[in-house]
Every structure is written in structure tokens, then in C-alpha cells.
Amino acid sequence: MANKSAEKRERQEATRRLRNRAAKSTVRTAVKKFDTAVAKGDKEAAAVALAESCKLLDAAVGKGIVHRNTADRKKSRLAHAFNKLA
């Protein structure tokens, strides 16, 4: 049986895992909204979704959920898709 500190660590990891999963899901949903707006050709909705996606990615980086380079790469690809729309 695990000792007390290991049990506490398991509880902490479970809490963090759920929090991180929720944050990643929120980011993916925002990116999907952007992708659908780009597919429809709706530039205004795409601009709003791009701003929201970048904001959520930056927040995830700040919390240590996503690596900085990964977020930068995703933001770059989103911006490139938005610029192609124009």
C-alpha cells in the first residue's frame, strides 16, 4: 500500500489532470470554431475566434499545460489560415 505522501500526490495529480484536460478541451473547441469560420469564409467570425484561440493558448502556456513553442506554432498556423482568408 502507498504511503501518505504518495496518496496525497495521487489526489493532486488527479485534480490537475482534470483541470488540464478541461483547459486543453477549451482550446481545441476554440480552434474548431475558428476552423469552421474559415471554412465558411466568414472573416469577422474568424477574427473573433482567432483572438479567442490565441488568448486561450497563451493562458494554457501560462499554466504550464501547453509548451510555449507548441502554442506559438498553433497560433502561427491559425494566423496563416486567417491571412489566406483575406
PDB file of N, CA and C in Angstrom:
ATOM      1  N   MET A   1       0.844  -1.188   0.000  1.00  0.00           N
ATOM      2  CA  MET A   1       0.000   0.000   0.000  1.00  0.00           C
ATOM      3  C   MET A   1       0.889   1.252   0.000  1.00  0.00           C
ATOM      4  N   ALA A   2       0.445   2.273  -0.705  1.00  0.00           N
ATOM      5  CA  ALA A   2       1.211   3.507  -0.815  1.00  0.00           C
ATOM      6  C   ALA A   2       1.207   4.264   0.511  1.00  0.00           C
ATOM      7  N   ASN A   3       2.277   4.998   0.753  1.00  0.00           N
ATOM      8  CA  ASN A   3       2.317   5.786   1.984  1.00  0.00           C
ATOM      9  C   ASN A   3       1.492   7.059   1.807  1.00  0.00           C
ATOM     10  N   LYS A   4       1.393   7.840   2.902  1.00  0.00           N
ATOM     11  CA  LYS A   4       0.504   9.004   2.883  1.00  0.00           C
ATOM     12  C   LYS A   4       0.903  10.036   1.828  1.00  0.00           C
ATOM     13  N   SER A   5       2.205  10.271   1.700  1.00  0.00           N
ATOM     14  CA  SER A   5       2.625  11.297   0.734  1.00  0.00           C
ATOM     15  C   SER A   5       2.313  10.851  -0.694  1.00  0.00           C
ATOM     16  N   ALA A   6       2.419   9.550  -0.972  1.00  0.00           N
ATOM     17  CA  ALA A   6       2.093   9.056  -2.304  1.00  0.00           C
ATOM     18  C   ALA A   6       0.585   9.145  -2.558  1.00  0.00           C
ATOM     19  N   GLU A   7      -0.205   8.899  -1.537  1.00  0.00           N
ATOM     20  CA  GLU A   7      -1.662   9.015  -1.685  1.00  0.00           C
ATOM     21  C   GLU A   7      -2.047  10.464  -1.966  1.00  0.00           C
ATOM     22  N   LYS A   8      -1.420  11.377  -1.249  1.00  0.00           N
ATOM     23  CA  LYS A   8      -1.703  12.795  -1.473  1.00  0.00           C
ATOM     24  C   LYS A   8      -1.287  13.198  -2.885  1.00  0.00           C
ATOM     25  N   ARG A   9      -0.128  12.706  -3.318  1.00  0.00           N
ATOM     26  CA  ARG A   9       0.351  13.027  -4.665  1.00  0.00           C
ATOM     27  C   ARG A   9      -0.635  12.514  -5.708  1.00  0.00           C
ATOM     28  N   GLU A  10      -1.197  11.328  -5.507  1.00  0.00           N
ATOM     29  CA  GLU A  10      -2.189  10.793  -6.441  1.00  0.00           C
ATOM     30  C   GLU A  10      -3.411  11.688  -6.511  1.00  0.00           C
ATOM     31  N   ARG A  11      -3.873  12.154  -5.345  1.00  0.00           N
ATOM     32  CA  ARG A  11      -5.034  13.043  -5.334  1.00  0.00           C
ATOM     33  C   ARG A  11      -4.732  14.336  -6.076  1.00  0.00           C
ATOM     34  N   GLN A  12      -3.550  14.897  -5.847  1.00  0.00           N
ATOM     35  CA  GLN A  12      -3.175  16.139  -6.519  1.00  0.00           C
ATOM     36  C   GLN A  12      -3.080  15.946  -8.029  1.00  0.00           C
ATOM     37  N   GLU A  13      -2.485  14.832  -8.438  1.00  0.00           N
ATOM     38  CA  GLU A  13      -2.348  14.562  -9.868  1.00  0.00           C
ATOM     39  C   GLU A  13      -3.695  14.391 -10.535  1.00  0.00           C
ATOM     40  N   ALA A  14      -4.637  13.742  -9.834  1.00  0.00           N
ATOM     41  CA  ALA A  14      -5.974  13.547 -10.404  1.00  0.00           C
ATOM     42  C   ALA A  14      -6.663  14.893 -10.611  1.00  0.00           C
ATOM     43  N   THR A  15      -6.540  15.766  -9.613  1.00  0.00           N
ATOM     44  CA  THR A  15      -7.153  17.096  -9.722  1.00  0.00           C
ATOM     45  C   THR A  15      -6.544  17.877 -10.874  1.00  0.00           C
ATOM     46  N   ARG A  16      -5.219  17.854 -10.962  1.00  0.00           N
ATOM     47  CA  ARG A  16      -4.534  18.601 -12.012  1.00  0.00           C
ATOM     48  C   ARG A  16      -4.829  18.027 -13.391  1.00  0.00           C
ATOM     49  N   ARG A  17      -4.919  16.697 -13.455  1.00  0.00           N
ATOM     50  CA  ARG A  17      -5.204  16.056 -14.740  1.00  0.00           C
ATOM     51  C   ARG A  17      -6.567  16.506 -15.273  1.00  0.00           C
ATOM     52  N   LEU A  18      -7.572  16.552 -14.393  1.00  0.00           N
ATOM     53  CA  LEU A  18      -8.905  17.002 -14.815  1.00  0.00           C
ATOM     54  C   LEU A  18      -8.881  18.467 -15.243  1.00  0.00           C
ATOM     55  N   ARG A  19      -8.158  19.300 -14.498  1.00  0.00           N
ATOM     56  CA  ARG A  19      -8.082  20.717 -14.819  1.00  0.00           C
ATOM     57  C   ARG A  19      -7.372  20.926 -16.158  1.00  0.00           C
ATOM     58  N   ASN A  20      -6.283  20.184 -16.370  1.00  0.00           N
ATOM     59  CA  ASN A  20      -5.538  20.312 -17.621  1.00  0.00           C
ATOM     60  C   ASN A  20      -6.355  19.804 -18.797  1.00  0.00           C
ATOM     61  N   ARG A  21      -7.073  18.707 -18.603  1.00  0.00           N
ATOM     62  CA  ARG A  21      -7.896  18.159 -19.674  1.00  0.00           C
ATOM     63  C   ARG A  21      -8.983  19.160 -20.076  1.00  0.00           C
ATOM     64  N   ALA A  22      -9.587  19.816 -19.089  1.00  0.00           N
ATOM     65  CA  ALA A  22     -10.631  20.805 -19.383  1.00  0.00           C
ATOM     66  C   ALA A  22     -10.048  21.986 -20.157  1.00  0.00           C
ATOM     67  N   ALA A  23      -8.862  22.441 -19.763  1.00  0.00           N
ATOM     68  CA  ALA A  23      -8.243  23.580 -20.440  1.00  0.00           C
ATOM     69  C   ALA A  23      -7.884  23.220 -21.881  1.00  0.00           C
ATOM     70  N   LYS A  24      -7.333  22.031 -22.099  1.00  0.00           N
ATOM     71  CA  LYS A  24      -6.981  21.603 -23.453  1.00  0.00           C
ATOM     72  C   LYS A  24      -8.232  21.472 -24.313  1.00  0.00           C
ATOM     73  N   SER A  25      -9.304  20.967 -23.717  1.00  0.00           N
ATOM     74  CA  SER A  25     -10.555  20.820 -24.455  1.00  0.00           C
ATOM     75  C   SER A  25     -11.105  22.179 -24.871  1.00  0.00           C
ATOM     76  N   THR A  26     -11.000  23.157 -23.990  1.00  0.00           N
ATOM     77  CA  THR A  26     -11.469  24.507 -24.299  1.00  0.00           C
ATOM     78  C   THR A  26     -10.678  25.093 -25.464  1.00  0.00           C
ATOM     79  N   VAL A  27      -9.364  24.865 -25.463  1.00  0.00           N
ATOM     80  CA  VAL A  27      -8.522  25.357 -26.554  1.00  0.00           C
ATOM     81  C   VAL A  27      -8.929  24.686 -27.860  1.00  0.00           C
ATOM     82  N   ARG A  28      -9.107  23.365 -27.839  1.00  0.00           N
ATOM     83  CA  ARG A  28      -9.471  22.643 -29.065  1.00  0.00           C
ATOM     84  C   ARG A  28     -10.825  23.112 -29.601  1.00  0.00           C
ATOM     85  N   THR A  29     -11.764  23.390 -28.704  1.00  0.00           N
ATOM     86  CA  THR A  29     -13.079  23.874 -29.136  1.00  0.00           C
ATOM     87  C   THR A  29     -12.957  25.237 -29.813  1.00  0.00           C
ATOM     88  N   ALA A  30     -12.147  26.112 -29.247  1.00  0.00           N
ATOM     89  CA  ALA A  30     -11.954  27.438 -29.838  1.00  0.00           C
ATOM     90  C   ALA A  30     -11.306  27.328 -31.216  1.00  0.00           C
ATOM     91  N   VAL A  31     -10.345  26.423 -31.355  1.00  0.00           N
ATOM     92  CA  VAL A  31      -9.680  26.236 -32.648  1.00  0.00           C
ATOM     93  C   VAL A  31     -10.665  25.673 -33.671  1.00  0.00           C
ATOM     94  N   LYS A  32     -11.549  24.781 -33.230  1.00  0.00           N
ATOM     95  CA  LYS A  32     -12.561  24.230 -34.145  1.00  0.00           C
ATOM     96  C   LYS A  32     -13.519  25.326 -34.618  1.00  0.00           C
ATOM     97  N   LYS A  33     -13.888  26.227 -33.713  1.00  0.00           N
ATOM     98  CA  LYS A  33     -14.757  27.345 -34.098  1.00  0.00           C
ATOM     99  C   LYS A  33     -14.066  28.206 -35.152  1.00  0.00           C
ATOM    100  N   PHE A  34     -12.778  28.418 -34.969  1.00  0.00           N
ATOM    101  CA  PHE A  34     -12.018  29.184 -35.950  1.00  0.00           C
ATOM    102  C   PHE A  34     -11.999  28.462 -37.289  1.00  0.00           C
ATOM    103  N   ASP A  35     -11.744  27.164 -37.259  1.00  0.00           N
ATOM    104  CA  ASP A  35     -11.679  26.383 -38.499  1.00  0.00           C
ATOM    105  C   ASP A  35     -13.007  26.411 -39.249  1.00  0.00           C
ATOM    106  N   THR A  36     -14.115  26.312 -38.527  1.00  0.00           N
ATOM    107  CA  THR A  36     -15.420  26.348 -39.201  1.00  0.00           C
ATOM    108  C   THR A  36     -15.688  27.722 -39.793  1.00  0.00           C
ATOM    109  N   ALA A  37     -15.279  28.783 -39.087  1.00  0.00           N
ATOM    110  CA  ALA A  37     -15.463  30.142 -39.604  1.00  0.00           C
ATOM    111  C   ALA A  37     -14.634  30.345 -40.870  1.00  0.00           C
ATOM    112  N   VAL A  38     -13.414  29.812 -40.886  1.00  0.00           N
ATOM    113  CA  VAL A  38     -12.567  29.928 -42.071  1.00  0.00           C
ATOM    114  C   VAL A  38     -13.168  29.128 -43.222  1.00  0.00           C
ATOM    115  N   ALA A  39     -13.679  27.945 -42.918  1.00  0.00           N
ATOM    116  CA  ALA A  39     -14.268  27.102 -43.961  1.00  0.00           C
ATOM    117  C   ALA A  39     -15.482  27.772 -44.594  1.00  0.00           C
ATOM    118  N   LYS A  40     -16.244  28.502 -43.773  1.00  0.00           N
ATOM    119  CA  LYS A  40     -17.411  29.215 -44.292  1.00  0.00           C
ATOM    120  C   LYS A  40     -17.022  30.502 -45.009  1.00  0.00           C
ATOM    121  N   GLY A  41     -15.811  30.983 -44.763  1.00  0.00           N
ATOM    122  CA  GLY A  41     -15.374  32.233 -45.371  1.00  0.00           C
ATOM    123  C   GLY A  41     -15.832  33.457 -44.603  1.00  0.00           C
ATOM    124  N   ASP A  42     -16.262  33.276 -43.366  1.00  0.00           N
ATOM    125  CA  ASP A  42     -16.748  34.377 -42.531  1.00  0.00           C
ATOM    126  C   ASP A  42     -15.558  35.036 -41.830  1.00  0.00           C
ATOM    127  N   LYS A  43     -15.092  36.137 -42.394  1.00  0.00           N
ATOM    128  CA  LYS A  43     -13.881  36.777 -41.890  1.00  0.00           C
ATOM    129  C   LYS A  43     -14.076  37.387 -40.504  1.00  0.00           C
ATOM    130  N   GLU A  44     -15.234  37.956 -40.244  1.00  0.00           N
ATOM    131  CA  GLU A  44     -15.478  38.581 -38.940  1.00  0.00           C
ATOM    132  C   GLU A  44     -15.497  37.540 -37.825  1.00  0.00           C
ATOM    133  N   ALA A  45     -16.212  36.445 -38.053  1.00  0.00           N
ATOM    134  CA  ALA A  45     -16.260  35.385 -37.048  1.00  0.00           C
ATOM    135  C   ALA A  45     -14.891  34.745 -36.871  1.00  0.00           C
ATOM    136  N   ALA A  46     -14.148  34.634 -37.953  1.00  0.00           N
ATOM    137  CA  ALA A  46     -12.810  34.057 -37.874  1.00  0.00           C
ATOM    138  C   ALA A  46     -11.886  34.948 -37.050  1.00  0.00           C
ATOM    139  N   ALA A  47     -12.026  36.258 -37.200  1.00  0.00           N
ATOM    140  CA  ALA A  47     -11.184  37.182 -36.445  1.00  0.00           C
ATOM    141  C   ALA A  47     -11.463  37.059 -34.943  1.00  0.00           C
ATOM    142  N   VAL A  48     -12.734  36.953 -34.593  1.00  0.00           N
ATOM    143  CA  VAL A  48     -13.103  36.803 -33.182  1.00  0.00           C
ATOM    144  C   VAL A  48     -12.592  35.462 -32.645  1.00  0.00           C
ATOM    145  N   ALA A  49     -12.772  34.414 -33.429  1.00  0.00           N
ATOM    146  CA  ALA A  49     -12.332  33.084 -32.999  1.00  0.00           C
ATOM    147  C   ALA A  49     -10.808  33.014 -32.910  1.00  0.00           C
ATOM    148  N   LEU A  50     -10.113  33.716 -33.803  1.00  0.00           N
ATOM    149  CA  LEU A  50      -8.647  33.740 -33.756  1.00  0.00           C
ATOM    150  C   LEU A  50      -8.169  34.399 -32.471  1.00  0.00           C
ATOM    151  N   ALA A  51      -8.766  35.518 -32.127  1.00  0.00           N
ATOM    152  CA  ALA A  51      -8.383  36.217 -30.901  1.00  0.00           C
ATOM    153  C   ALA A  51      -8.645  35.345 -29.673  1.00  0.00           C
ATOM    154  N   GLU A  52      -9.778  34.685 -29.650  1.00  0.00           N
ATOM    155  CA  GLU A  52     -10.131  33.815 -28.519  1.00  0.00           C
ATOM    156  C   GLU A  52      -9.167  32.626 -28.424  1.00  0.00           C
ATOM    157  N   SER A  53      -8.847  32.041 -29.562  1.00  0.00           N
ATOM    158  CA  SER A  53      -7.940  30.889 -29.578  1.00  0.00           C
ATOM    159  C   SER A  53      -6.555  31.283 -29.075  1.00  0.00           C
ATOM    160  N   CYS A  54      -6.057  32.418 -29.537  1.00  0.00           N
ATOM    161  CA  CYS A  54      -4.736  32.875 -29.106  1.00  0.00           C
ATOM    162  C   CYS A  54      -4.726  33.179 -27.608  1.00  0.00           C
ATOM    163  N   LYS A  55      -5.788  33.772 -27.134  1.00  0.00           N
ATOM    164  CA  LYS A  55      -5.894  34.087 -25.717  1.00  0.00           C
ATOM    165  C   LYS A  55      -5.887  32.818 -24.872  1.00  0.00           C
ATOM    166  N   LEU A  56      -6.649  31.813 -25.292  1.00  0.00           N
ATOM    167  CA  LEU A  56      -6.707  30.559 -24.545  1.00  0.00           C
ATOM    168  C   LEU A  56      -5.376  29.806 -24.609  1.00  0.00           C
ATOM    169  N   LEU A  57      -4.728  29.840 -25.766  1.00  0.00           N
ATOM    170  CA  LEU A  57      -3.423  29.193 -25.880  1.00  0.00           C
ATOM    171  C   LEU A  57      -2.397  29.858 -24.954  1.00  0.00           C
ATOM    172  N   ASP A  58      -2.408  31.178 -24.912  1.00  0.00           N
ATOM    173  CA  ASP A  58      -1.479  31.892 -24.034  1.00  0.00           C
ATOM    174  C   ASP A  58      -1.757  31.571 -22.561  1.00  0.00           C
ATOM    175  N   ALA A  59      -3.031  31.446 -22.216  1.00  0.00           N
ATOM    176  CA  ALA A  59      -3.382  31.095 -20.838  1.00  0.00           C
ATOM    177  C   ALA A  59      -2.911  29.684 -20.505  1.00  0.00           C
ATOM    178  N   ALA A  60      -3.044  28.771 -21.451  1.00  0.00           N
ATOM    179  CA  ALA A  60      -2.592  27.398 -21.229  1.00  0.00           C
ATOM    180  C   ALA A  60      -1.077  27.345 -21.055  1.00  0.00           C
ATOM    181  N   VAL A  61      -0.360  28.180 -21.798  1.00  0.00           N
ATOM    182  CA  VAL A  61       1.094  28.250 -21.642  1.00  0.00           C
ATOM    183  C   VAL A  61       1.442  28.775 -20.249  1.00  0.00           C
ATOM    184  N   GLY A  62       0.731  29.780 -19.816  1.00  0.00           N
ATOM    185  CA  GLY A  62       0.986  30.360 -18.503  1.00  0.00           C
ATOM    186  C   GLY A  62       0.754  29.384 -17.370  1.00  0.00           C
ATOM    187  N   LYS A  63      -0.178  28.470 -17.561  1.00  0.00           N
ATOM    188  CA  LYS A  63      -0.474  27.460 -16.537  1.00  0.00           C
ATOM    189  C   LYS A  63       0.390  26.218 -16.673  1.00  0.00           C
ATOM    190  N   GLY A  64       1.225  26.187 -17.718  1.00  0.00           N
ATOM    191  CA  GLY A  64       2.095  25.036 -17.899  1.00  0.00           C
ATOM    192  C   GLY A  64       1.420  23.837 -18.525  1.00  0.00           C
ATOM    193  N   ILE A  65       0.283  24.042 -19.152  1.00  0.00           N
ATOM    194  CA  ILE A  65      -0.472  22.941 -19.747  1.00  0.00           C
ATOM    195  C   ILE A  65       0.046  22.629 -21.143  1.00  0.00           C
ATOM    196  N   VAL A  66       0.427  23.678 -21.870  1.00  0.00           N
ATOM    197  CA  VAL A  66       0.937  23.531 -23.232  1.00  0.00           C
ATOM    198  C   VAL A  66       2.316  24.182 -23.287  1.00  0.00           C
ATOM    199  N   HIS A  67       3.228  23.597 -24.002  1.00  0.00           N
ATOM    200  CA  HIS A  67       4.563  24.171 -24.147  1.00  0.00           C
ATOM    201  C   HIS A  67       4.486  25.438 -24.993  1.00  0.00           C
ATOM    202  N   ARG A  68       5.368  26.373 -24.672  1.00  0.00           N
ATOM    203  CA  ARG A  68       5.362  27.673 -25.353  1.00  0.00           C
ATOM    204  C   ARG A  68       5.529  27.530 -26.861  1.00  0.00           C
ATOM    205  N   ASN A  69       6.443  26.678 -27.296  1.00  0.00           N
ATOM    206  CA  ASN A  69       6.676  26.516 -28.733  1.00  0.00           C
ATOM    207  C   ASN A  69       5.464  25.896 -29.434  1.00  0.00           C
ATOM    208  N   THR A  70       4.797  24.974 -28.766  1.00  0.00           N
ATOM    209  CA  THR A  70       3.609  24.347 -29.335  1.00  0.00           C
ATOM    210  C   THR A  70       2.516  25.392 -29.545  1.00  0.00           C
ATOM    211  N   ALA A  71       2.307  26.235 -28.542  1.00  0.00           N
ATOM    212  CA  ALA A  71       1.290  27.280 -28.650  1.00  0.00           C
ATOM    213  C   ALA A  71       1.656  28.276 -29.748  1.00  0.00           C
ATOM    214  N   ASP A  72       2.930  28.651 -29.830  1.00  0.00           N
ATOM    215  CA  ASP A  72       3.362  29.588 -30.862  1.00  0.00           C
ATOM    216  C   ASP A  72       3.147  29.007 -32.252  1.00  0.00           C
ATOM    217  N   ARG A  73       3.441  27.713 -32.398  1.00  0.00           N
ATOM    218  CA  ARG A  73       3.257  27.058 -33.696  1.00  0.00           C
ATOM    219  C   ARG A  73       1.782  27.044 -34.081  1.00  0.00           C
ATOM    220  N   LYS A  74       0.918  26.714 -33.118  1.00  0.00           N
ATOM    221  CA  LYS A  74      -0.521  26.677 -33.405  1.00  0.00           C
ATOM    222  C   LYS A  74      -1.049  28.069 -33.759  1.00  0.00           C
ATOM    223  N   LYS A  75      -0.603  29.082 -33.013  1.00  0.00           N
ATOM    224  CA  LYS A  75      -1.039  30.449 -33.291  1.00  0.00           C
ATOM    225  C   LYS A  75      -0.564  30.898 -34.664  1.00  0.00           C
ATOM    226  N   SER A  76       0.645  30.512 -35.030  1.00  0.00           N
ATOM    227  CA  SER A  76       1.182  30.873 -36.338  1.00  0.00           C
ATOM    228  C   SER A  76       0.350  30.253 -37.447  1.00  0.00           C
ATOM    229  N   ARG A  77       0.000  28.996 -37.286  1.00  0.00           N
ATOM    230  CA  ARG A  77      -0.801  28.314 -38.304  1.00  0.00           C
ATOM    231  C   ARG A  77      -2.200  28.910 -38.403  1.00  0.00           C
ATOM    232  N   LEU A  78      -2.774  29.291 -37.259  1.00  0.00           N
ATOM    233  CA  LEU A  78      -4.092  29.932 -37.277  1.00  0.00           C
ATOM    234  C   LEU A  78      -4.007  31.284 -37.995  1.00  0.00           C
ATOM    235  N   ALA A  79      -2.981  32.058 -37.687  1.00  0.00           N
ATOM    236  CA  ALA A  79      -2.814  33.370 -38.321  1.00  0.00           C
ATOM    237  C   ALA A  79      -2.603  33.217 -39.821  1.00  0.00           C
ATOM    238  N   HIS A  80      -1.845  32.200 -40.215  1.00  0.00           N
ATOM    239  CA  HIS A  80      -1.605  31.958 -41.638  1.00  0.00           C
ATOM    240  C   HIS A  80      -2.918  31.628 -42.353  1.00  0.00           C
ATOM    241  N   ALA A  81      -3.739  30.797 -41.720  1.00  0.00           N
ATOM    242  CA  ALA A  81      -5.034  30.446 -42.315  1.00  0.00           C
ATOM    243  C   ALA A  81      -5.929  31.680 -42.405  1.00  0.00           C
ATOM    244  N   PHE A  82      -5.876  32.545 -41.380  1.00  0.00           N
ATOM    245  CA  PHE A  82      -6.695  33.754 -41.396  1.00  0.00           C
ATOM    246  C   PHE A  82      -6.227  34.697 -42.492  1.00  0.00           C
ATOM    247  N   ASN A  83      -4.918  34.832 -42.674  1.00  0.00           N
ATOM    248  CA  ASN A  83      -4.385  35.728 -43.706  1.00  0.00           C
ATOM    249  C   ASN A  83      -4.707  35.218 -45.108  1.00  0.00           C
ATOM    250  N   LYS A  84      -4.738  33.904 -45.279  1.00  0.00           N
ATOM    251  CA  LYS A  84      -5.126  33.354 -46.571  1.00  0.00           C
ATOM    252  C   LYS A  84      -6.597  33.653 -46.881  1.00  0.00           C
ATOM    253  N   LEU A  85      -7.401  33.761 -45.822  1.00  0.00           N
ATOM    254  CA  LEU A  85      -8.820  34.078 -45.987  1.00  0.00           C
ATOM    255  C   LEU A  85      -8.975  35.486 -46.577  1.00  0.00           C
ATOM    256  N   ALA A  86      -8.120  36.389 -46.173  1.00  0.00           N
ATOM    257  CA  ALA A  86      -8.183  37.759 -46.651  1.00  0.00           C
ATOM    258  C   ALA A  86      -7.732  37.807 -48.101  1.00  0.00           C
TER     259      ALA A  86
END
